[in-house]
C-alpha atoms as a PDB file:
ATOM      1  CA  MET A   1      -5.800 -14.377  -2.157  1.00  0.00           C
ATOM      2  CA  GLN A   2      -6.911 -17.030   0.180  1.00  0.00           C
ATOM      3  CA  ASP A   3      -4.916 -18.319   3.189  1.00  0.00           C
ATOM      4  CA  ASP A   4      -5.529 -19.832   6.556  1.00  0.00           C
ATOM      5  CA  ASN A   5      -3.214 -17.308   8.025  1.00  0.00           C
ATOM      6  CA  PRO A   6      -4.514 -13.618   7.429  1.00  0.00           C
ATOM      7  CA  ASN A   7      -1.328 -12.120   8.872  1.00  0.00           C
ATOM      8  CA  LEU A   8       0.705 -13.748   6.172  1.00  0.00           C
ATOM      9  CA  HIS A   9      -0.641 -11.641   3.369  1.00  0.00           C
ATOM     10  CA  ARG A  10      -0.552  -8.457   5.424  1.00  0.00           C
ATOM     11  CA  ASP A  11       3.086  -9.057   6.311  1.00  0.00           C
ATOM     12  CA  ALA A  12       3.933  -9.811   2.515  1.00  0.00           C
ATOM     13  CA  ALA A  13       1.914  -6.572   1.544  1.00  0.00           C
ATOM     14  CA  ALA A  14       4.251  -4.592   3.696  1.00  0.00           C
ATOM     15  CA  ASP A  15       7.440  -6.174   2.618  1.00  0.00           C
ATOM     16  CA  PRO A  16       9.587  -3.973   0.306  1.00  0.00           C
ATOM     17  CA  ARG A  17      10.744  -7.076  -1.759  1.00  0.00           C
ATOM     18  CA  LEU A  18       7.152  -7.642  -2.851  1.00  0.00           C
ATOM     19  CA  PRO A  19       7.031  -7.130  -6.613  1.00  0.00           C
ATOM     20  CA  LEU A  20       5.404  -3.870  -7.660  1.00  0.00           C
ATOM     21  CA  PRO A  21       2.509  -5.367  -9.607  1.00  0.00           C
ATOM     22  CA  LEU A  22       1.553  -7.383  -6.544  1.00  0.00           C
ATOM     23  CA  LEU A  23       2.009  -4.332  -4.314  1.00  0.00           C
ATOM     24  CA  LEU A  24      -0.355  -2.339  -6.462  1.00  0.00           C
ATOM     25  CA  GLU A  25      -2.785  -5.244  -6.338  1.00  0.00           C
ATOM     26  CA  ALA A  26      -2.643  -5.393  -2.620  1.00  0.00           C
ATOM     27  CA  LEU A  27      -3.521  -1.674  -2.433  1.00  0.00           C
ATOM     28  CA  GLU A  28      -6.829  -2.437  -3.996  1.00  0.00           C
ATOM     29  CA  GLU A  29      -7.677  -5.234  -1.479  1.00  0.00           C
ATOM     30  CA  THR A  30      -9.447  -3.834   1.598  1.00  0.00           C
ATOM     31  CA  ARG A  31      -7.791  -6.292   4.051  1.00  0.00           C
ATOM     32  CA  LEU A  32      -4.324  -5.540   2.669  1.00  0.00           C
ATOM     33  CA  ALA A  33      -4.534  -1.889   1.718  1.00  0.00           C
ATOM     34  CA  ALA A  34      -3.248  -0.436   5.079  1.00  0.00           C
ATOM     35  CA  ALA A  35      -0.271  -2.792   5.132  1.00  0.00           C
ATOM     36  CA  ALA A  36       0.488  -2.148   1.412  1.00  0.00           C
ATOM     37  CA  ALA A  37       0.409   1.613   2.006  1.00  0.00           C
ATOM     38  CA  ARG A  38       3.011   1.349   4.695  1.00  0.00           C
ATOM     39  CA  ASN A  39       5.368  -0.480   2.222  1.00  0.00           C
ATOM     40  CA  PRO A  40       8.493   1.468   1.950  1.00  0.00           C
ATOM     41  CA  ALA A  41       8.826   0.494  -1.675  1.00  0.00           C
ATOM     42  CA  LEU A  42       5.580   2.301  -2.661  1.00  0.00           C
ATOM     43  CA  LEU A  43       6.282   4.775  -5.410  1.00  0.00           C
ATOM     44  CA  THR A  44       6.062   8.388  -4.390  1.00  0.00           C
ATOM     45  CA  HIS A  45       3.382   9.190  -7.085  1.00  0.00           C
ATOM     46  CA  VAL A  46       1.226   6.276  -5.958  1.00  0.00           C
ATOM     47  CA  MET A  47       1.489   7.555  -2.377  1.00  0.00           C
ATOM     48  CA  HIS A  48       0.413  10.994  -3.610  1.00  0.00           C
ATOM     49  CA  GLU A  49      -2.488   9.371  -5.416  1.00  0.00           C
ATOM     50  CA  LEU A  50      -3.650   7.625  -2.258  1.00  0.00           C
ATOM     51  CA  LEU A  51      -3.422  10.809  -0.227  1.00  0.00           C
ATOM     52  CA  ASP A  52      -5.434  12.593  -3.036  1.00  0.00           C
ATOM     53  CA  ARG A  53      -8.122   9.922  -2.861  1.00  0.00           C
ATOM     54  CA  ALA A  54      -8.255  10.231   0.959  1.00  0.00           C
ATOM     55  CA  GLY A  55      -8.800  13.989   0.734  1.00  0.00           C
ATOM     56  CA  ILE A  56      -5.545  14.805   2.339  1.00  0.00           C
ATOM     57  CA  ALA A  57      -4.328  18.203   1.020  1.00  0.00           C
ATOM     58  CA  ALA A  58      -0.632  18.686   0.222  1.00  0.00           C
ATOM     59  CA  GLN A  59       1.432  20.682   2.514  1.00  0.00           C
ATOM     60  CA  PRO A  60       2.894  23.917   0.912  1.00  0.00           C
ATOM     61  CA  ASP A  61       6.651  23.881   0.829  1.00  0.00           C
ATOM     62  CA  SER A  62       8.179  26.038   3.530  1.00  0.00           C
END
């Protein structure tokens, strides 16, 4: 994605209306990954995969 306004794509990556295929694509782009990871529409299993990749262990249920 090329644009003169870098904030535009970051804002779009965080928008819950972004179609899932584009959200998943944004997660793979370095400059968009953080915004995409904050997207409230992110599927739970995808978030768990991201946390696993980052080496963040799951918390045991209390």
